[in-house]
Amino acid sequence: MNRNLLLIIAVVLVIAVIGGAIVLNKGPLYSGLSFGTPAPLSAVEIRNYQGKDLSSINAFRENSLRGPQYVNISDYHLTITGLTNKTDVYSYNDVLEKYPHYSRVVTLHCVEGWDATILWEGVQVRDLIREAGPDPRADTVVFTAHDGYTTSFRLDYLMNRDILMAYSMNNVTLPPERGYPFELVAEDKWGYKWIKWIERIELTNDTAYRGYWEKRGFSNSGDLNKSYFSL
């Protein structure tokens, strides 16, 4: 065996040993990665679901009372209270870890004349209410947002339908503009009933309660198949 061939073999062996040492020791090239556990990447917005085209998460007009709310999630709490057997207070992670997750394509229709069809993912409101234990006297549910916005629903609307409190849209976490941490997916209701930045859910027997827009002449039921003006 000539000297050149021996030199080539020696170089190959050195490279193999060094390479193996880097992998075993997870050197700088692999710093921070755990082999066998995939590194998380940012979610990618989907625009088609089961053959149905979806709107962009940016296809919404900003028309909230005080502009987008930037909730500090480490301080965030969701409270379910009022005519209930107990008051429940959850962190954001508490909600996501305690309750089953569901997804559904639902279109939001705004009174301004635009709409957006989105794949929403969230928890069912009735699961939260059942856990708190609704009092037999309760027939109305009032939602309060981080910015003070409120709206209300009949209790049976929330208990008899798969109404979501969403944390995700089109496979991405709700951005602040869309209501992070939670937005109500108020199916078959006008957009002003789709309350964002939910912080409080209160059960009451005050059927006369009127939220922000309802006090200003909008329909209290907000039914999509009817005028949004009160009659």
C-alpha atoms as a PDB file:
ATOM      1  CA  MET A   1       0.000   0.000   0.000  1.00  0.00           C
ATOM      2  CA  ASN A   2       1.562   3.280  -1.058  1.00  0.00           C
ATOM      3  CA  ARG A   3       2.013   6.310   1.147  1.00  0.00           C
ATOM      4  CA  ASN A   4      -0.716   8.424  -0.574  1.00  0.00           C
ATOM      5  CA  LEU A   5      -3.388   5.773  -0.027  1.00  0.00           C
ATOM      6  CA  LEU A   6      -2.430   5.448   3.636  1.00  0.00           C
ATOM      7  CA  LEU A   7      -2.722   9.230   4.021  1.00  0.00           C
ATOM      8  CA  ILE A   8      -6.211   9.263   2.470  1.00  0.00           C
ATOM      9  CA  ILE A   9      -7.404   6.485   4.788  1.00  0.00           C
ATOM     10  CA  ALA A  10      -6.008   8.303   7.812  1.00  0.00           C
ATOM     11  CA  VAL A  11      -7.821  11.563   6.898  1.00  0.00           C
ATOM     12  CA  VAL A  12     -11.123   9.722   6.414  1.00  0.00           C
ATOM     13  CA  LEU A  13     -10.773   8.053   9.823  1.00  0.00           C
ATOM     14  CA  VAL A  14     -10.038  11.373  11.557  1.00  0.00           C
ATOM     15  CA  ILE A  15     -13.091  13.026   9.952  1.00  0.00           C
ATOM     16  CA  ALA A  16     -15.307  10.113  11.016  1.00  0.00           C
ATOM     17  CA  VAL A  17     -14.079  10.272  14.634  1.00  0.00           C
ATOM     18  CA  ILE A  18     -14.544  14.062  14.883  1.00  0.00           C
ATOM     19  CA  GLY A  19     -17.990  13.880  13.307  1.00  0.00           C
ATOM     20  CA  GLY A  20     -19.088  11.199  15.726  1.00  0.00           C
ATOM     21  CA  ALA A  21     -17.837  13.213  18.684  1.00  0.00           C
ATOM     22  CA  ILE A  22     -19.850  16.253  17.569  1.00  0.00           C
ATOM     23  CA  VAL A  23     -23.053  14.219  17.286  1.00  0.00           C
ATOM     24  CA  LEU A  24     -22.564  12.432  20.617  1.00  0.00           C
ATOM     25  CA  ASN A  25     -21.700  15.600  22.474  1.00  0.00           C
ATOM     26  CA  LYS A  26     -24.263  17.760  20.623  1.00  0.00           C
ATOM     27  CA  GLY A  27     -21.655  20.395  19.887  1.00  0.00           C
ATOM     28  CA  PRO A  28     -22.327  24.000  18.772  1.00  0.00           C
ATOM     29  CA  LEU A  29     -23.947  22.860  15.519  1.00  0.00           C
ATOM     30  CA  TYR A  30     -26.704  21.083  17.481  1.00  0.00           C
ATOM     31  CA  SER A  31     -26.826  23.294  20.568  1.00  0.00           C
ATOM     32  CA  GLY A  32     -30.311  23.553  22.062  1.00  0.00           C
ATOM     33  CA  LEU A  33     -31.804  20.657  20.078  1.00  0.00           C
ATOM     34  CA  SER A  34     -32.999  17.403  21.578  1.00  0.00           C
ATOM     35  CA  PHE A  35     -32.590  14.541  19.157  1.00  0.00           C
ATOM     36  CA  GLY A  36     -35.772  12.508  18.924  1.00  0.00           C
ATOM     37  CA  THR A  37     -37.901  15.521  20.003  1.00  0.00           C
ATOM     38  CA  PRO A  38     -38.918  17.823  17.127  1.00  0.00           C
ATOM     39  CA  ALA A  39     -38.099  21.497  17.566  1.00  0.00           C
ATOM     40  CA  PRO A  40     -41.328  23.581  17.495  1.00  0.00           C
ATOM     41  CA  LEU A  41     -41.801  25.885  14.525  1.00  0.00           C
ATOM     42  CA  SER A  42     -44.287  28.706  14.071  1.00  0.00           C
ATOM     43  CA  ALA A  43     -47.762  27.613  12.964  1.00  0.00           C
ATOM     44  CA  VAL A  44     -48.641  28.304   9.348  1.00  0.00           C
ATOM     45  CA  GLU A  45     -52.040  29.764   8.500  1.00  0.00           C
ATOM     46  CA  ILE A  46     -54.163  27.425   6.404  1.00  0.00           C
ATOM     47  CA  ARG A  47     -56.429  28.870   3.692  1.00  0.00           C
ATOM     48  CA  ASN A  48     -58.351  25.742   2.727  1.00  0.00           C
ATOM     49  CA  TYR A  49     -60.025  23.154   4.923  1.00  0.00           C
ATOM     50  CA  GLN A  50     -61.742  20.011   3.657  1.00  0.00           C
ATOM     51  CA  GLY A  51     -62.115  21.605   0.245  1.00  0.00           C
ATOM     52  CA  LYS A  52     -63.542  24.880   1.584  1.00  0.00           C
ATOM     53  CA  ASP A  53     -61.707  28.157   0.974  1.00  0.00           C
ATOM     54  CA  LEU A  54     -60.970  30.162   4.112  1.00  0.00           C
ATOM     55  CA  SER A  55     -60.567  33.902   4.549  1.00  0.00           C
ATOM     56  CA  SER A  56     -57.266  35.330   5.728  1.00  0.00           C
ATOM     57  CA  ILE A  57     -56.960  36.101   9.424  1.00  0.00           C
ATOM     58  CA  ASN A  58     -56.195  39.640   8.228  1.00  0.00           C
ATOM     59  CA  ALA A  59     -59.553  39.931   6.430  1.00  0.00           C
ATOM     60  CA  PHE A  60     -61.171  41.684   9.391  1.00  0.00           C
ATOM     61  CA  ARG A  61     -61.719  45.394   9.891  1.00  0.00           C
ATOM     62  CA  GLU A  62     -60.575  46.856  13.190  1.00  0.00           C
ATOM     63  CA  ASN A  63     -63.665  48.324  14.844  1.00  0.00           C
ATOM     64  CA  SER A  64     -63.231  47.574  18.550  1.00  0.00           C
ATOM     65  CA  LEU A  65     -63.959  50.187  21.210  1.00  0.00           C
ATOM     66  CA  ARG A  66     -60.394  51.013  22.200  1.00  0.00           C
ATOM     67  CA  GLY A  67     -58.345  49.302  19.526  1.00  0.00           C
ATOM     68  CA  PRO A  68     -56.572  45.949  19.842  1.00  0.00           C
ATOM     69  CA  GLN A  69     -56.020  44.786  23.411  1.00  0.00           C
ATOM     70  CA  TYR A  70     -52.651  43.330  24.299  1.00  0.00           C
ATOM     71  CA  VAL A  71     -53.382  40.972  27.183  1.00  0.00           C
ATOM     72  CA  ASN A  72     -50.486  39.930  29.415  1.00  0.00           C
ATOM     73  CA  ILE A  73     -51.165  36.207  29.432  1.00  0.00           C
ATOM     74  CA  SER A  74     -49.186  35.627  32.631  1.00  0.00           C
ATOM     75  CA  ASP A  75     -51.681  37.877  34.470  1.00  0.00           C
ATOM     76  CA  TYR A  76     -54.764  36.719  32.590  1.00  0.00           C
ATOM     77  CA  HIS A  77     -57.701  35.065  34.333  1.00  0.00           C
ATOM     78  CA  LEU A  78     -61.077  33.901  33.037  1.00  0.00           C
ATOM     79  CA  THR A  79     -63.864  34.036  35.622  1.00  0.00           C
ATOM     80  CA  ILE A  80     -67.162  32.127  35.438  1.00  0.00           C
ATOM     81  CA  THR A  81     -69.506  33.431  38.119  1.00  0.00           C
ATOM     82  CA  GLY A  82     -72.972  34.753  38.988  1.00  0.00           C
ATOM     83  CA  LEU A  83     -75.893  32.350  39.421  1.00  0.00           C
ATOM     84  CA  THR A  84     -73.647  29.305  39.638  1.00  0.00           C
ATOM     85  CA  ASN A  85     -72.887  26.714  42.281  1.00  0.00           C
ATOM     86  CA  LYS A  86     -69.339  28.037  42.447  1.00  0.00           C
ATOM     87  CA  THR A  87     -67.100  30.674  40.929  1.00  0.00           C
ATOM     88  CA  ASP A  88     -64.377  29.259  38.698  1.00  0.00           C
ATOM     89  CA  VAL A  89     -61.226  31.213  37.904  1.00  0.00           C
ATOM     90  CA  TYR A  90     -58.877  29.898  35.214  1.00  0.00           C
ATOM     91  CA  SER A  91     -55.562  30.841  33.723  1.00  0.00           C
ATOM     92  CA  TYR A  92     -55.212  30.590  29.954  1.00  0.00           C
ATOM     93  CA  ASN A  93     -53.404  27.261  30.229  1.00  0.00           C
ATOM     94  CA  ASP A  94     -55.989  25.973  32.711  1.00  0.00           C
ATOM     95  CA  VAL A  95     -58.704  26.337  30.077  1.00  0.00           C
ATOM     96  CA  LEU A  96     -56.653  24.676  27.345  1.00  0.00           C
ATOM     97  CA  GLU A  97     -55.589  21.779  29.564  1.00  0.00           C
ATOM     98  CA  LYS A  98     -58.890  21.080  31.335  1.00  0.00           C
ATOM     99  CA  TYR A  99     -61.403  21.091  28.472  1.00  0.00           C
ATOM    100  CA  PRO A 100     -61.725  19.193  25.177  1.00  0.00           C
ATOM    101  CA  HIS A 101     -60.809  21.076  21.998  1.00  0.00           C
ATOM    102  CA  TYR A 102     -63.091  21.368  18.982  1.00  0.00           C
ATOM    103  CA  SER A 103     -62.825  22.928  15.541  1.00  0.00           C
ATOM    104  CA  ARG A 104     -65.428  24.248  13.108  1.00  0.00           C
ATOM    105  CA  VAL A 105     -65.605  26.448  10.013  1.00  0.00           C
ATOM    106  CA  VAL A 106     -67.896  29.403  10.758  1.00  0.00           C
ATOM    107  CA  THR A 107     -68.488  32.661   8.894  1.00  0.00           C
ATOM    108  CA  LEU A 108     -68.615  35.962  10.771  1.00  0.00           C
ATOM    109  CA  HIS A 109     -70.989  38.528   9.229  1.00  0.00           C
ATOM    110  CA  CYS A 110     -70.436  42.153  10.213  1.00  0.00           C
ATOM    111  CA  VAL A 111     -73.208  44.767  10.135  1.00  0.00           C
ATOM    112  CA  GLU A 112     -70.799  46.874   8.044  1.00  0.00           C
ATOM    113  CA  GLY A 113     -71.374  44.487   5.142  1.00  0.00           C
ATOM    114  CA  TRP A 114     -68.248  42.317   5.103  1.00  0.00           C
ATOM    115  CA  ASP A 115     -67.754  38.721   6.183  1.00  0.00           C
ATOM    116  CA  ALA A 116     -64.935  36.246   6.875  1.00  0.00           C
ATOM    117  CA  THR A 117     -64.979  32.448   6.837  1.00  0.00           C
ATOM    118  CA  ILE A 118     -62.508  30.960   9.305  1.00  0.00           C
ATOM    119  CA  LEU A 119     -61.569  27.586  10.783  1.00  0.00           C
ATOM    120  CA  TRP A 120     -61.953  28.231  14.502  1.00  0.00           C
ATOM    121  CA  GLU A 121     -60.553  26.015  17.245  1.00  0.00           C
ATOM    122  CA  GLY A 122     -61.576  26.329  20.867  1.00  0.00           C
ATOM    123  CA  VAL A 123     -63.439  24.926  23.845  1.00  0.00           C
ATOM    124  CA  GLN A 124     -67.211  24.720  24.175  1.00  0.00           C
ATOM    125  CA  VAL A 125     -68.774  27.393  26.353  1.00  0.00           C
ATOM    126  CA  ARG A 126     -71.302  24.930  27.759  1.00  0.00           C
ATOM    127  CA  ASP A 127     -68.461  22.834  29.212  1.00  0.00           C
ATOM    128  CA  LEU A 128     -67.320  25.839  31.253  1.00  0.00           C
ATOM    129  CA  ILE A 129     -70.872  26.606  32.378  1.00  0.00           C
ATOM    130  CA  ARG A 130     -71.609  23.006  33.339  1.00  0.00           C
ATOM    131  CA  GLU A 131     -68.448  22.876  35.435  1.00  0.00           C
ATOM    132  CA  ALA A 132     -69.528  26.001  37.335  1.00  0.00           C
ATOM    133  CA  GLY A 133     -73.016  24.530  37.843  1.00  0.00           C
ATOM    134  CA  PRO A 134     -75.774  26.834  36.567  1.00  0.00           C
ATOM    135  CA  ASP A 135     -78.427  27.831  39.095  1.00  0.00           C
ATOM    136  CA  PRO A 136     -81.991  26.944  37.977  1.00  0.00           C
ATOM    137  CA  ARG A 137     -82.847  30.660  38.054  1.00  0.00           C
ATOM    138  CA  ALA A 138     -80.181  31.527  35.444  1.00  0.00           C
ATOM    139  CA  ASP A 139     -81.445  32.243  31.926  1.00  0.00           C
ATOM    140  CA  THR A 140     -79.008  34.859  30.624  1.00  0.00           C
ATOM    141  CA  VAL A 141     -75.221  34.896  30.208  1.00  0.00           C
ATOM    142  CA  VAL A 142     -73.225  38.139  30.133  1.00  0.00           C
ATOM    143  CA  PHE A 143     -69.737  38.212  28.577  1.00  0.00           C
ATOM    144  CA  THR A 144     -67.240  40.925  29.497  1.00  0.00           C
ATOM    145  CA  ALA A 145     -64.082  41.735  27.530  1.00  0.00           C
ATOM    146  CA  HIS A 146     -60.722  43.115  28.615  1.00  0.00           C
ATOM    147  CA  ASP A 147     -61.639  46.545  27.219  1.00  0.00           C
ATOM    148  CA  GLY A 148     -64.974  46.668  29.045  1.00  0.00           C
ATOM    149  CA  TYR A 149     -67.123  45.632  26.076  1.00  0.00           C
ATOM    150  CA  THR A 150     -70.100  43.459  26.992  1.00  0.00           C
ATOM    151  CA  THR A 151     -72.827  41.455  25.279  1.00  0.00           C
ATOM    152  CA  SER A 152     -75.306  38.815  26.426  1.00  0.00           C
ATOM    153  CA  PHE A 153     -77.013  35.614  25.252  1.00  0.00           C
ATOM    154  CA  ARG A 154     -79.846  33.411  26.329  1.00  0.00           C
ATOM    155  CA  LEU A 155     -78.474  30.525  28.381  1.00  0.00           C
ATOM    156  CA  ASP A 156     -80.170  27.930  26.191  1.00  0.00           C
ATOM    157  CA  TYR A 157     -78.358  29.285  23.098  1.00  0.00           C
ATOM    158  CA  LEU A 158     -75.040  28.409  24.733  1.00  0.00           C
ATOM    159  CA  MET A 159     -76.128  25.132  26.328  1.00  0.00           C
ATOM    160  CA  ASN A 160     -77.961  23.616  23.356  1.00  0.00           C
ATOM    161  CA  ARG A 161     -75.414  24.428  20.648  1.00  0.00           C
ATOM    162  CA  ASP A 162     -71.716  23.764  20.046  1.00  0.00           C
ATOM    163  CA  ILE A 163     -70.669  27.367  20.672  1.00  0.00           C
ATOM    164  CA  LEU A 164     -66.902  27.783  20.784  1.00  0.00           C
ATOM    165  CA  MET A 165     -64.731  30.119  22.785  1.00  0.00           C
ATOM    166  CA  ALA A 166     -61.865  30.164  20.298  1.00  0.00           C
ATOM    167  CA  TYR A 167     -58.140  30.426  20.922  1.00  0.00           C
ATOM    168  CA  SER A 168     -57.071  29.681  17.331  1.00  0.00           C
ATOM    169  CA  MET A 169     -58.074  30.644  13.800  1.00  0.00           C
ATOM    170  CA  ASN A 170     -56.866  28.951  10.597  1.00  0.00           C
ATOM    171  CA  ASN A 171     -54.397  26.907  12.650  1.00  0.00           C
ATOM    172  CA  VAL A 172     -52.669  29.896  14.286  1.00  0.00           C
ATOM    173  CA  THR A 173     -53.122  31.376  17.743  1.00  0.00           C
ATOM    174  CA  LEU A 174     -55.488  34.339  17.789  1.00  0.00           C
ATOM    175  CA  PRO A 175     -53.540  37.544  17.208  1.00  0.00           C
ATOM    176  CA  PRO A 176     -54.290  40.454  19.588  1.00  0.00           C
ATOM    177  CA  GLU A 177     -56.414  42.116  16.910  1.00  0.00           C
ATOM    178  CA  ARG A 178     -58.693  39.076  16.828  1.00  0.00           C
ATOM    179  CA  GLY A 179     -59.221  38.720  20.549  1.00  0.00           C
ATOM    180  CA  TYR A 180     -56.320  36.800  22.091  1.00  0.00           C
ATOM    181  CA  PRO A 181     -56.645  34.937  24.331  1.00  0.00           C
ATOM    182  CA  PHE A 182     -60.312  34.083  23.570  1.00  0.00           C
ATOM    183  CA  GLU A 183     -63.016  35.173  21.110  1.00  0.00           C
ATOM    184  CA  LEU A 184     -66.588  33.919  21.097  1.00  0.00           C
ATOM    185  CA  VAL A 185     -67.658  32.196  17.884  1.00  0.00           C
ATOM    186  CA  ALA A 186     -71.291  33.285  18.068  1.00  0.00           C
ATOM    187  CA  GLU A 187     -72.733  31.217  15.234  1.00  0.00           C
ATOM    188  CA  ASP A 188     -75.799  32.646  13.485  1.00  0.00           C
ATOM    189  CA  LYS A 189     -75.298  35.981  15.253  1.00  0.00           C
ATOM    190  CA  TRP A 190     -74.169  39.331  13.866  1.00  0.00           C
ATOM    191  CA  GLY A 191     -70.506  40.208  14.371  1.00  0.00           C
ATOM    192  CA  TYR A 192     -71.066  42.551  17.330  1.00  0.00           C
ATOM    193  CA  LYS A 193     -72.034  39.473  19.377  1.00  0.00           C
ATOM    194  CA  TRP A 194     -68.630  37.864  18.661  1.00  0.00           C
ATOM    195  CA  ILE A 195     -66.997  39.322  21.759  1.00  0.00           C
ATOM    196  CA  LYS A 196     -63.176  39.334  21.893  1.00  0.00           C
ATOM    197  CA  TRP A 197     -60.665  39.309  24.782  1.00  0.00           C
ATOM    198  CA  ILE A 198     -63.128  37.446  27.020  1.00  0.00           C
ATOM    199  CA  GLU A 199     -62.356  37.790  30.727  1.00  0.00           C
ATOM    200  CA  ARG A 200     -65.667  37.158  32.481  1.00  0.00           C
ATOM    201  CA  ILE A 201     -68.719  34.965  31.928  1.00  0.00           C
ATOM    202  CA  GLU A 202     -71.581  35.745  34.319  1.00  0.00           C
ATOM    203  CA  LEU A 203     -74.835  33.837  34.641  1.00  0.00           C
ATOM    204  CA  THR A 204     -77.843  35.940  35.612  1.00  0.00           C
ATOM    205  CA  ASN A 205     -81.629  36.097  35.439  1.00  0.00           C
ATOM    206  CA  ASP A 206     -81.581  39.632  34.064  1.00  0.00           C
ATOM    207  CA  THR A 207     -83.216  39.093  30.676  1.00  0.00           C
ATOM    208  CA  ALA A 208     -83.336  42.880  30.215  1.00  0.00           C
ATOM    209  CA  TYR A 209     -79.528  43.170  30.230  1.00  0.00           C
ATOM    210  CA  ARG A 210     -78.161  45.145  27.282  1.00  0.00           C
ATOM    211  CA  GLY A 211     -74.541  45.160  26.156  1.00  0.00           C
ATOM    212  CA  TYR A 212     -72.566  47.992  24.577  1.00  0.00           C
ATOM    213  CA  TRP A 213     -74.191  48.042  21.115  1.00  0.00           C
ATOM    214  CA  GLU A 214     -77.513  46.757  22.348  1.00  0.00           C
ATOM    215  CA  LYS A 215     -77.848  49.873  24.525  1.00  0.00           C
ATOM    216  CA  ARG A 216     -77.328  51.882  21.340  1.00  0.00           C
ATOM    217  CA  GLY A 217     -80.207  50.364  19.423  1.00  0.00           C
ATOM    218  CA  PHE A 218     -78.840  47.071  18.149  1.00  0.00           C
ATOM    219  CA  SER A 219     -80.902  43.897  18.514  1.00  0.00           C
ATOM    220  CA  ASN A 220     -80.340  42.135  21.826  1.00  0.00           C
ATOM    221  CA  SER A 221     -80.639  38.684  20.244  1.00  0.00           C
ATOM    222  CA  GLY A 222     -78.355  39.601  17.332  1.00  0.00           C
ATOM    223  CA  ASP A 223     -79.898  36.887  15.163  1.00  0.00           C
ATOM    224  CA  LEU A 224     -78.278  36.817  11.744  1.00  0.00           C
ATOM    225  CA  ASN A 225     -81.560  36.115   9.946  1.00  0.00           C
ATOM    226  CA  LYS A 226     -83.083  39.310  11.352  1.00  0.00           C
ATOM    227  CA  SER A 227     -82.264  43.007  11.268  1.00  0.00           C
ATOM    228  CA  TYR A 228     -79.533  44.030  13.656  1.00  0.00           C
ATOM    229  CA  PHE A 229     -81.605  47.084  14.638  1.00  0.00           C
ATOM    230  CA  SER A 230     -84.004  46.667  17.518  1.00  0.00           C
ATOM    231  CA  LEU A 231     -87.673  46.757  16.511  1.00  0.00           C
END
